[in-house]
N, C-alpha and C. Protein backbone atom coordinates (compact mmCIF):
# COMPACT_ATOMS: atom_id res chain seq x y z
N MET A 1 96.23 51.09 30.80
CA MET A 1 94.80 50.83 30.88
C MET A 1 94.10 52.10 31.35
N ASN A 2 93.14 52.53 30.60
CA ASN A 2 92.32 53.68 30.95
C ASN A 2 91.14 53.17 31.77
N LEU A 3 91.05 53.60 33.02
CA LEU A 3 90.03 53.10 33.95
C LEU A 3 88.61 53.33 33.42
N VAL A 4 88.32 54.54 33.01
CA VAL A 4 86.96 54.87 32.56
C VAL A 4 86.59 54.07 31.31
N GLU A 5 87.51 53.98 30.36
CA GLU A 5 87.24 53.20 29.14
C GLU A 5 87.04 51.73 29.47
N ARG A 6 87.85 51.20 30.36
CA ARG A 6 87.72 49.78 30.73
C ARG A 6 86.37 49.51 31.37
N VAL A 7 85.96 50.37 32.29
CA VAL A 7 84.66 50.20 32.95
C VAL A 7 83.54 50.25 31.93
N LYS A 8 83.59 51.25 31.07
CA LYS A 8 82.54 51.40 30.04
C LYS A 8 82.51 50.17 29.14
N ASN A 9 83.66 49.73 28.68
CA ASN A 9 83.70 48.62 27.73
C ASN A 9 83.34 47.28 28.36
N ILE A 10 83.77 47.03 29.58
CA ILE A 10 83.46 45.73 30.21
C ILE A 10 81.97 45.64 30.52
N ILE A 11 81.32 46.78 30.74
CA ILE A 11 79.89 46.77 31.02
C ILE A 11 79.06 46.75 29.73
N LEU A 12 79.45 47.56 28.74
CA LEU A 12 78.63 47.71 27.54
C LEU A 12 78.94 46.72 26.42
N SER A 13 80.19 46.29 26.32
CA SER A 13 80.56 45.33 25.27
C SER A 13 81.54 44.30 25.86
N PRO A 14 81.04 43.49 26.77
CA PRO A 14 81.95 42.59 27.50
C PRO A 14 82.66 41.55 26.65
N ALA A 15 81.99 40.98 25.67
CA ALA A 15 82.63 39.92 24.87
C ALA A 15 83.87 40.46 24.17
N SER A 16 83.76 41.61 23.54
CA SER A 16 84.93 42.16 22.85
C SER A 16 85.96 42.68 23.84
N GLU A 17 85.52 43.18 24.99
CA GLU A 17 86.48 43.69 25.98
C GLU A 17 87.28 42.56 26.61
N TRP A 18 86.65 41.39 26.83
CA TRP A 18 87.41 40.26 27.36
C TRP A 18 88.52 39.86 26.39
N GLU A 19 88.27 39.98 25.08
CA GLU A 19 89.32 39.67 24.10
C GLU A 19 90.48 40.65 24.23
N VAL A 20 90.16 41.92 24.45
CA VAL A 20 91.21 42.92 24.66
C VAL A 20 91.99 42.59 25.93
N ILE A 21 91.27 42.28 26.99
CA ILE A 21 91.88 41.96 28.28
C ILE A 21 92.78 40.75 28.16
N LYS A 22 92.32 39.76 27.39
CA LYS A 22 93.10 38.53 27.21
C LYS A 22 94.48 38.82 26.64
N GLY A 23 94.56 39.79 25.75
CA GLY A 23 95.82 40.11 25.11
C GLY A 23 96.74 41.01 25.93
N GLU A 24 96.24 41.55 27.02
CA GLU A 24 97.04 42.46 27.84
C GLU A 24 97.89 41.68 28.84
N THR A 25 99.07 42.23 29.12
CA THR A 25 99.92 41.68 30.16
C THR A 25 99.91 42.69 31.31
N CYS A 26 99.52 42.23 32.48
CA CYS A 26 99.52 43.12 33.63
C CYS A 26 99.76 42.29 34.89
N THR A 27 100.37 42.92 35.86
CA THR A 27 100.67 42.23 37.10
C THR A 27 99.49 42.34 38.05
N THR A 28 99.49 41.48 39.04
CA THR A 28 98.47 41.54 40.09
C THR A 28 98.52 42.90 40.77
N ALA A 29 99.72 43.38 41.04
CA ALA A 29 99.88 44.68 41.70
C ALA A 29 99.29 45.81 40.86
N ASP A 30 99.51 45.75 39.54
CA ASP A 30 98.94 46.78 38.66
C ASP A 30 97.42 46.75 38.68
N LEU A 31 96.84 45.56 38.59
CA LEU A 31 95.38 45.45 38.61
C LEU A 31 94.81 45.94 39.94
N PHE A 32 95.51 45.65 41.03
CA PHE A 32 95.06 46.13 42.33
C PHE A 32 95.12 47.65 42.39
N LYS A 33 96.29 48.21 42.07
CA LYS A 33 96.49 49.66 42.24
C LYS A 33 95.71 50.49 41.23
N GLN A 34 95.65 50.06 39.99
CA GLN A 34 95.05 50.87 38.94
C GLN A 34 93.57 50.61 38.72
N TYR A 35 93.02 49.57 39.34
CA TYR A 35 91.62 49.23 39.08
C TYR A 35 90.87 48.85 40.35
N ALA A 36 91.23 47.74 40.95
CA ALA A 36 90.46 47.21 42.08
C ALA A 36 90.42 48.15 43.27
N MET A 37 91.56 48.70 43.67
CA MET A 37 91.59 49.57 44.85
C MET A 37 90.77 50.84 44.65
N ILE A 38 90.69 51.30 43.43
CA ILE A 38 89.90 52.50 43.14
C ILE A 38 88.41 52.18 43.16
N LEU A 39 88.02 51.15 42.39
CA LEU A 39 86.59 50.85 42.26
C LEU A 39 85.99 50.24 43.53
N ALA A 40 86.76 49.45 44.27
CA ALA A 40 86.24 48.84 45.50
C ALA A 40 85.92 49.89 46.55
N ALA A 41 86.48 51.08 46.43
CA ALA A 41 86.19 52.15 47.38
C ALA A 41 84.77 52.71 47.19
N ILE A 42 84.20 52.56 46.01
CA ILE A 42 82.89 53.15 45.74
C ILE A 42 81.80 52.57 46.64
N PRO A 43 81.60 51.25 46.70
CA PRO A 43 80.55 50.75 47.59
C PRO A 43 80.88 50.97 49.07
N ALA A 44 82.14 50.94 49.43
CA ALA A 44 82.51 51.16 50.83
C ALA A 44 82.15 52.58 51.26
N LEU A 45 82.52 53.56 50.44
CA LEU A 45 82.21 54.95 50.76
C LEU A 45 80.71 55.24 50.61
N GLY A 46 80.10 54.67 49.57
CA GLY A 46 78.66 54.85 49.38
C GLY A 46 77.87 54.32 50.57
N GLY A 47 78.26 53.14 51.06
CA GLY A 47 77.59 52.56 52.23
C GLY A 47 77.79 53.41 53.47
N PHE A 48 78.99 53.94 53.65
CA PHE A 48 79.26 54.81 54.79
C PHE A 48 78.38 56.05 54.76
N ILE A 49 78.34 56.72 53.62
CA ILE A 49 77.53 57.93 53.49
C ILE A 49 76.06 57.60 53.69
N GLY A 50 75.61 56.50 53.05
CA GLY A 50 74.20 56.14 53.13
C GLY A 50 73.73 55.75 54.50
N PHE A 51 74.51 54.95 55.21
CA PHE A 51 74.05 54.41 56.49
C PHE A 51 74.48 55.22 57.71
N SER A 52 75.54 56.03 57.58
CA SER A 52 75.98 56.81 58.74
C SER A 52 75.66 58.30 58.61
N VAL A 53 75.56 58.81 57.40
CA VAL A 53 75.30 60.24 57.22
C VAL A 53 73.83 60.47 56.86
N ILE A 54 73.36 59.85 55.80
CA ILE A 54 71.98 60.05 55.35
C ILE A 54 71.00 59.22 56.18
N GLY A 55 71.28 57.95 56.33
CA GLY A 55 70.43 57.07 57.12
C GLY A 55 69.41 56.34 56.27
N ALA A 56 68.94 55.24 56.83
CA ALA A 56 67.92 54.43 56.18
C ALA A 56 66.57 54.76 56.80
N PHE A 57 65.58 55.01 55.96
CA PHE A 57 64.26 55.39 56.45
C PHE A 57 63.42 54.16 56.71
N PHE A 58 62.89 54.08 57.91
CA PHE A 58 61.97 53.01 58.27
C PHE A 58 60.66 53.68 58.68
N GLY A 59 59.59 52.96 58.70
CA GLY A 59 58.26 53.50 58.97
C GLY A 59 58.18 54.60 60.02
N LEU A 60 58.89 54.47 61.11
CA LEU A 60 58.75 55.44 62.19
C LEU A 60 59.91 56.42 62.29
N GLY A 61 60.86 56.32 61.44
CA GLY A 61 61.97 57.25 61.52
C GLY A 61 63.16 56.82 60.68
N VAL A 62 64.29 57.39 61.05
CA VAL A 62 65.52 57.17 60.30
C VAL A 62 66.51 56.43 61.20
N PHE A 63 67.12 55.38 60.65
CA PHE A 63 68.18 54.67 61.37
C PHE A 63 69.50 55.09 60.76
N ARG A 64 70.39 55.56 61.62
CA ARG A 64 71.75 55.88 61.18
C ARG A 64 72.71 55.06 62.01
N LEU A 65 73.64 54.44 61.33
CA LEU A 65 74.70 53.71 61.99
C LEU A 65 75.62 54.74 62.64
N PRO A 66 75.93 54.60 63.92
CA PRO A 66 76.85 55.57 64.55
C PRO A 66 78.11 55.75 63.71
N PHE A 67 78.61 56.97 63.68
CA PHE A 67 79.72 57.35 62.82
C PHE A 67 80.90 56.39 62.92
N HIS A 68 81.34 56.09 64.13
CA HIS A 68 82.52 55.23 64.27
C HIS A 68 82.26 53.81 63.79
N TYR A 69 81.03 53.30 63.97
CA TYR A 69 80.71 51.97 63.44
C TYR A 69 80.63 52.01 61.92
N GLY A 70 80.10 53.11 61.40
CA GLY A 70 80.04 53.27 59.94
C GLY A 70 81.43 53.33 59.33
N LEU A 71 82.34 53.99 60.02
CA LEU A 71 83.72 54.09 59.54
C LEU A 71 84.39 52.71 59.57
N VAL A 72 84.18 51.97 60.64
CA VAL A 72 84.73 50.61 60.73
C VAL A 72 84.15 49.75 59.62
N HIS A 73 82.85 49.87 59.38
CA HIS A 73 82.19 49.12 58.31
C HIS A 73 82.80 49.47 56.96
N CYS A 74 83.02 50.74 56.72
CA CYS A 74 83.59 51.22 55.46
C CYS A 74 84.97 50.60 55.22
N VAL A 75 85.84 50.71 56.20
CA VAL A 75 87.21 50.21 56.04
C VAL A 75 87.21 48.69 55.92
N LEU A 76 86.45 48.03 56.78
CA LEU A 76 86.43 46.57 56.77
C LEU A 76 85.84 46.02 55.48
N SER A 77 84.75 46.61 55.01
CA SER A 77 84.15 46.12 53.77
C SER A 77 85.07 46.38 52.57
N TYR A 78 85.80 47.48 52.59
CA TYR A 78 86.75 47.79 51.52
C TYR A 78 87.88 46.76 51.49
N VAL A 79 88.49 46.54 52.64
CA VAL A 79 89.61 45.59 52.72
C VAL A 79 89.15 44.18 52.36
N LEU A 80 88.01 43.76 52.90
CA LEU A 80 87.53 42.41 52.62
C LEU A 80 87.07 42.24 51.18
N SER A 81 86.63 43.32 50.55
CA SER A 81 86.29 43.24 49.13
C SER A 81 87.53 42.91 48.30
N LEU A 82 88.64 43.55 48.64
CA LEU A 82 89.90 43.27 47.94
C LEU A 82 90.42 41.87 48.25
N VAL A 83 90.30 41.47 49.51
CA VAL A 83 90.71 40.12 49.90
C VAL A 83 89.85 39.09 49.17
N GLY A 84 88.55 39.35 49.09
CA GLY A 84 87.63 38.45 48.41
C GLY A 84 87.96 38.28 46.94
N VAL A 85 88.34 39.36 46.27
CA VAL A 85 88.72 39.28 44.86
C VAL A 85 89.97 38.43 44.71
N TYR A 86 90.92 38.62 45.60
CA TYR A 86 92.16 37.85 45.52
C TYR A 86 91.87 36.36 45.77
N LEU A 87 91.02 36.07 46.75
CA LEU A 87 90.65 34.68 47.02
C LEU A 87 89.92 34.06 45.82
N LEU A 88 89.04 34.84 45.20
CA LEU A 88 88.32 34.35 44.03
C LEU A 88 89.30 34.01 42.91
N ALA A 89 90.31 34.84 42.72
CA ALA A 89 91.32 34.57 41.69
C ALA A 89 92.06 33.27 42.00
N ILE A 90 92.41 33.06 43.25
CA ILE A 90 93.09 31.82 43.65
C ILE A 90 92.19 30.62 43.36
N ILE A 91 90.91 30.75 43.68
CA ILE A 91 89.95 29.67 43.45
C ILE A 91 89.85 29.36 41.95
N ILE A 92 89.71 30.40 41.13
CA ILE A 92 89.62 30.20 39.68
C ILE A 92 90.88 29.50 39.17
N ASP A 93 92.03 29.97 39.65
CA ASP A 93 93.29 29.37 39.22
C ASP A 93 93.38 27.90 39.61
N ARG A 94 93.02 27.60 40.84
CA ARG A 94 93.13 26.22 41.34
C ARG A 94 92.10 25.29 40.71
N LEU A 95 90.90 25.81 40.44
CA LEU A 95 89.85 24.98 39.84
C LEU A 95 90.11 24.70 38.36
N SER A 96 90.90 25.53 37.72
CA SER A 96 91.09 25.42 36.27
C SER A 96 91.51 24.03 35.84
N GLN A 97 92.41 23.39 36.56
CA GLN A 97 92.87 22.05 36.18
C GLN A 97 91.74 21.02 36.24
N ASN A 98 90.81 21.21 37.18
CA ASN A 98 89.69 20.28 37.30
C ASN A 98 88.74 20.35 36.09
N PHE A 99 88.86 21.43 35.35
CA PHE A 99 87.97 21.61 34.20
C PHE A 99 88.74 21.64 32.88
N GLY A 100 89.89 21.01 32.87
CA GLY A 100 90.65 20.84 31.65
C GLY A 100 91.39 22.08 31.16
N ALA A 101 91.57 23.05 32.05
CA ALA A 101 92.28 24.27 31.66
C ALA A 101 93.66 24.30 32.31
N THR A 102 94.53 25.09 31.75
CA THR A 102 95.86 25.29 32.30
C THR A 102 95.78 26.35 33.40
N ARG A 103 96.48 26.12 34.49
CA ARG A 103 96.51 27.13 35.56
C ARG A 103 97.19 28.39 35.05
N ASP A 104 96.56 29.52 35.30
CA ASP A 104 97.08 30.82 34.86
C ASP A 104 96.58 31.87 35.84
N MET A 105 97.40 32.20 36.81
CA MET A 105 96.99 33.13 37.86
C MET A 105 96.70 34.52 37.30
N GLU A 106 97.44 34.94 36.28
CA GLU A 106 97.18 36.26 35.70
C GLU A 106 95.78 36.32 35.10
N ALA A 107 95.41 35.31 34.34
CA ALA A 107 94.06 35.26 33.76
C ALA A 107 93.00 35.16 34.85
N ALA A 108 93.26 34.34 35.86
CA ALA A 108 92.31 34.18 36.96
C ALA A 108 92.08 35.50 37.68
N PHE A 109 93.15 36.24 37.89
CA PHE A 109 93.02 37.51 38.58
C PHE A 109 92.27 38.53 37.71
N LYS A 110 92.51 38.52 36.42
CA LYS A 110 91.76 39.40 35.52
C LYS A 110 90.26 39.09 35.59
N ILE A 111 89.94 37.79 35.56
CA ILE A 111 88.53 37.38 35.61
C ILE A 111 87.89 37.86 36.91
N ALA A 112 88.57 37.63 38.03
CA ALA A 112 88.02 38.01 39.33
C ALA A 112 87.83 39.53 39.43
N VAL A 113 88.82 40.28 39.03
CA VAL A 113 88.76 41.74 39.17
C VAL A 113 87.72 42.35 38.24
N PHE A 114 87.79 42.03 36.97
CA PHE A 114 86.91 42.72 36.02
C PHE A 114 85.45 42.28 36.13
N SER A 115 85.19 41.08 36.63
CA SER A 115 83.80 40.66 36.81
C SER A 115 83.13 41.38 37.98
N MET A 116 83.92 42.01 38.85
CA MET A 116 83.37 42.77 39.96
C MET A 116 82.96 44.19 39.57
N THR A 117 83.32 44.62 38.39
CA THR A 117 83.10 46.00 37.96
C THR A 117 81.66 46.48 38.15
N PRO A 118 80.62 45.77 37.69
CA PRO A 118 79.26 46.31 37.84
C PRO A 118 78.88 46.50 39.31
N PHE A 119 79.27 45.57 40.16
CA PHE A 119 78.95 45.70 41.58
C PHE A 119 79.64 46.92 42.17
N TRP A 120 80.93 47.06 41.89
CA TRP A 120 81.67 48.19 42.45
C TRP A 120 81.10 49.52 41.97
N ILE A 121 80.82 49.64 40.69
CA ILE A 121 80.30 50.89 40.14
C ILE A 121 78.93 51.21 40.72
N SER A 122 78.09 50.20 40.85
CA SER A 122 76.74 50.43 41.37
C SER A 122 76.75 50.77 42.85
N GLY A 123 77.88 50.64 43.51
CA GLY A 123 77.99 50.99 44.92
C GLY A 123 77.66 52.44 45.19
N VAL A 124 77.68 53.28 44.17
CA VAL A 124 77.30 54.68 44.35
C VAL A 124 75.84 54.79 44.81
N PHE A 125 75.01 53.82 44.45
CA PHE A 125 73.60 53.85 44.84
C PHE A 125 73.40 53.58 46.34
N LEU A 126 74.42 53.08 47.01
CA LEU A 126 74.32 52.86 48.45
C LEU A 126 74.25 54.17 49.23
N ILE A 127 74.54 55.28 48.56
CA ILE A 127 74.39 56.59 49.21
C ILE A 127 72.94 56.79 49.64
N VAL A 128 72.01 56.25 48.87
CA VAL A 128 70.60 56.25 49.24
C VAL A 128 70.25 54.80 49.55
N PRO A 129 70.24 54.42 50.84
CA PRO A 129 70.08 53.00 51.19
C PRO A 129 68.91 52.29 50.52
N ALA A 130 67.84 52.99 50.25
CA ALA A 130 66.69 52.36 49.58
C ALA A 130 67.02 51.89 48.17
N LEU A 131 68.06 52.46 47.57
CA LEU A 131 68.47 52.07 46.22
C LEU A 131 69.54 50.97 46.23
N GLY A 132 69.87 50.49 47.40
CA GLY A 132 70.90 49.45 47.53
C GLY A 132 70.61 48.20 46.75
N VAL A 133 69.35 47.93 46.46
CA VAL A 133 68.98 46.75 45.68
C VAL A 133 69.61 46.78 44.29
N ILE A 134 69.93 47.96 43.80
CA ILE A 134 70.56 48.09 42.48
C ILE A 134 71.91 47.38 42.48
N THR A 135 72.61 47.40 43.62
CA THR A 135 73.91 46.71 43.68
C THR A 135 73.72 45.20 43.51
N LEU A 136 72.61 44.68 44.00
CA LEU A 136 72.34 43.25 43.82
C LEU A 136 72.09 42.93 42.35
N ILE A 137 71.35 43.78 41.69
CA ILE A 137 71.07 43.57 40.26
C ILE A 137 72.37 43.66 39.46
N ALA A 138 73.20 44.65 39.81
CA ALA A 138 74.49 44.79 39.13
C ALA A 138 75.38 43.58 39.40
N GLY A 139 75.27 43.04 40.61
CA GLY A 139 76.03 41.84 40.95
C GLY A 139 75.65 40.66 40.05
N LEU A 140 74.39 40.57 39.69
CA LEU A 140 73.95 39.51 38.77
C LEU A 140 74.59 39.69 37.40
N TYR A 141 74.72 40.93 36.97
CA TYR A 141 75.41 41.18 35.70
C TYR A 141 76.89 40.80 35.82
N GLY A 142 77.44 41.02 37.01
CA GLY A 142 78.82 40.60 37.27
C GLY A 142 78.99 39.10 37.12
N LEU A 143 77.95 38.33 37.46
CA LEU A 143 78.03 36.88 37.27
C LEU A 143 78.11 36.54 35.79
N TYR A 144 77.39 37.27 34.98
CA TYR A 144 77.48 37.08 33.53
C TYR A 144 78.91 37.37 33.05
N LEU A 145 79.49 38.45 33.58
CA LEU A 145 80.87 38.79 33.22
C LEU A 145 81.84 37.70 33.68
N LEU A 146 81.57 37.13 34.84
CA LEU A 146 82.40 36.04 35.36
C LEU A 146 82.35 34.85 34.39
N TYR A 147 81.15 34.51 33.95
CA TYR A 147 81.00 33.40 33.00
C TYR A 147 81.77 33.69 31.70
N LEU A 148 81.57 34.90 31.16
CA LEU A 148 82.27 35.26 29.92
C LEU A 148 83.78 35.24 30.11
N GLY A 149 84.25 35.72 31.24
CA GLY A 149 85.68 35.72 31.51
C GLY A 149 86.25 34.32 31.56
N ILE A 150 85.55 33.43 32.24
CA ILE A 150 85.99 32.02 32.30
C ILE A 150 86.01 31.44 30.88
N LYS A 151 84.98 31.75 30.13
CA LYS A 151 84.86 31.21 28.77
C LYS A 151 85.97 31.74 27.86
N GLN A 152 86.31 33.02 27.99
CA GLN A 152 87.23 33.63 27.04
C GLN A 152 88.69 33.68 27.50
N LEU A 153 88.92 33.66 28.80
CA LEU A 153 90.30 33.80 29.27
C LEU A 153 90.94 32.49 29.71
N THR A 154 90.14 31.43 29.82
CA THR A 154 90.73 30.13 30.16
C THR A 154 90.70 29.25 28.93
N ASP A 155 91.53 28.25 28.94
CA ASP A 155 91.53 27.32 27.81
C ASP A 155 90.74 26.05 28.13
N ALA A 156 89.77 26.18 29.02
CA ALA A 156 88.90 25.04 29.35
C ALA A 156 88.08 24.66 28.12
N PRO A 157 87.84 23.37 27.90
CA PRO A 157 86.99 22.94 26.79
C PRO A 157 85.59 23.55 26.91
N ALA A 158 84.97 23.85 25.79
CA ALA A 158 83.67 24.52 25.77
C ALA A 158 82.61 23.81 26.61
N GLU A 159 82.63 22.48 26.59
CA GLU A 159 81.62 21.73 27.34
C GLU A 159 81.82 21.82 28.85
N LYS A 160 82.94 22.35 29.29
CA LYS A 160 83.22 22.45 30.73
C LYS A 160 83.07 23.87 31.26
N HIS A 161 82.79 24.85 30.40
CA HIS A 161 82.67 26.25 30.84
C HIS A 161 81.59 26.41 31.90
N LEU A 162 80.42 25.83 31.66
CA LEU A 162 79.31 26.00 32.59
C LEU A 162 79.64 25.38 33.95
N GLY A 163 80.20 24.20 33.96
CA GLY A 163 80.58 23.56 35.22
C GLY A 163 81.63 24.36 35.96
N PHE A 164 82.60 24.89 35.24
CA PHE A 164 83.64 25.73 35.82
C PHE A 164 83.01 26.96 36.46
N PHE A 165 82.09 27.59 35.73
CA PHE A 165 81.41 28.79 36.23
C PHE A 165 80.59 28.47 37.48
N VAL A 166 79.79 27.42 37.44
CA VAL A 166 78.92 27.09 38.57
C VAL A 166 79.75 26.76 39.81
N THR A 167 80.81 26.00 39.64
CA THR A 167 81.67 25.66 40.78
C THR A 167 82.32 26.92 41.35
N THR A 168 82.82 27.79 40.48
CA THR A 168 83.41 29.05 40.91
C THR A 168 82.38 29.89 41.64
N LEU A 169 81.17 29.93 41.10
CA LEU A 169 80.10 30.71 41.71
C LEU A 169 79.78 30.21 43.12
N LEU A 170 79.68 28.90 43.29
CA LEU A 170 79.38 28.35 44.61
C LEU A 170 80.47 28.72 45.62
N VAL A 171 81.72 28.61 45.21
CA VAL A 171 82.82 28.97 46.11
C VAL A 171 82.78 30.47 46.40
N ALA A 172 82.48 31.29 45.40
CA ALA A 172 82.40 32.74 45.58
C ALA A 172 81.29 33.12 46.57
N ILE A 173 80.17 32.40 46.49
CA ILE A 173 79.07 32.65 47.43
C ILE A 173 79.51 32.35 48.85
N ILE A 174 80.20 31.25 49.03
CA ILE A 174 80.70 30.89 50.37
C ILE A 174 81.66 31.96 50.88
N ILE A 175 82.57 32.42 50.03
CA ILE A 175 83.50 33.48 50.42
C ILE A 175 82.73 34.73 50.83
N GLN A 176 81.73 35.11 50.03
CA GLN A 176 80.95 36.32 50.31
C GLN A 176 80.17 36.20 51.61
N VAL A 177 79.59 35.05 51.87
CA VAL A 177 78.84 34.85 53.12
C VAL A 177 79.77 34.99 54.33
N ILE A 178 80.94 34.42 54.23
CA ILE A 178 81.92 34.53 55.32
C ILE A 178 82.34 35.98 55.52
N MET A 179 82.64 36.67 54.44
CA MET A 179 83.06 38.08 54.53
C MET A 179 81.95 38.94 55.12
N ASN A 180 80.72 38.74 54.66
CA ASN A 180 79.58 39.50 55.21
C ASN A 180 79.39 39.21 56.68
N GLY A 181 79.58 37.95 57.08
CA GLY A 181 79.46 37.59 58.48
C GLY A 181 80.51 38.29 59.33
N ILE A 182 81.71 38.39 58.81
CA ILE A 182 82.78 39.09 59.54
C ILE A 182 82.42 40.56 59.71
N VAL A 183 82.03 41.21 58.62
CA VAL A 183 81.70 42.64 58.68
C VAL A 183 80.54 42.87 59.64
N ARG A 184 79.48 42.11 59.50
CA ARG A 184 78.31 42.30 60.37
C ARG A 184 78.63 41.97 61.83
N GLY A 185 79.42 40.94 62.02
CA GLY A 185 79.78 40.57 63.38
C GLY A 185 80.58 41.64 64.09
N VAL A 186 81.49 42.26 63.36
CA VAL A 186 82.32 43.31 63.95
C VAL A 186 81.54 44.61 64.10
N VAL A 187 80.82 45.02 63.07
CA VAL A 187 80.18 46.33 63.06
C VAL A 187 78.88 46.35 63.87
N PHE A 188 78.02 45.39 63.65
CA PHE A 188 76.69 45.47 64.25
C PHE A 188 76.62 44.90 65.66
N ARG A 189 77.67 44.29 66.11
CA ARG A 189 77.68 43.78 67.48
C ARG A 189 77.64 44.94 68.46
N GLY A 190 78.40 45.99 68.20
CA GLY A 190 78.45 47.15 69.07
C GLY A 190 77.13 47.89 69.18
N PRO A 191 76.53 48.35 68.04
CA PRO A 191 75.30 49.11 68.14
C PRO A 191 74.15 48.32 68.76
N MET A 192 74.14 47.01 68.55
CA MET A 192 73.05 46.21 69.08
C MET A 192 73.18 46.00 70.60
N MET A 193 74.39 46.16 71.10
CA MET A 193 74.60 45.95 72.53
C MET A 193 74.36 47.24 73.32
N MET A 194 74.20 48.38 72.62
CA MET A 194 74.00 49.68 73.31
C MET A 194 72.62 49.78 73.88
C-alpha cells in the first residue's frame, strides 16, 4: 500500500478506493504501522506546535500552553487517537450482526482507519490554531467516508446501511467525548491550577 496514493484516492475518489480496499488483505498490525500510526501523528504534532510554540491569539495577547503540558497533550492525543480507531473498529464489528451483516474485524478495521484520513491529514492546520476549524470540516468528510465504508465493505442489506452508520456514529461520538475529556482533564488541569 502506497501511503500517499491511498490518502489521495480515499479523499478524491472514495467510492472507487473503497472497492480497491475491499479487495486487499491486510492485518491490523499492518494498517496500524503503515497508515494509522503515521497519519495520527499529524494532528498531535500540529496541535503541539500550534498551542505550545506558536500560540493562540486572543484579543489581548497570545496564549501558549506550557511546553511540558503541550508535550503531554501531544502524546496523549496521539495514543488515544489510535485507541479510538481500534475501539471504533470493534464497535463496527460487533454492531454488524445487528444490521444483518457478517462480523468481519478486518473490514471493520479498514473502515475505522481509512475514514479517519481527512481528519488526520487536516491536522496540519492545527499549527495555526485559528485554522483548527478546518479539522472539524474534514471530520465531517470523514463521516461520509465512514458511511461509504460501511456501505461497501460490509454485507449489510442496503436498507440497513443508514441505521448501521447512524448507530456507529453515535457510539463514535461517545468514544470521542470520553477521549477528549481524558486529554483535557490531564493536560488542562495543571495550567489552570497555576
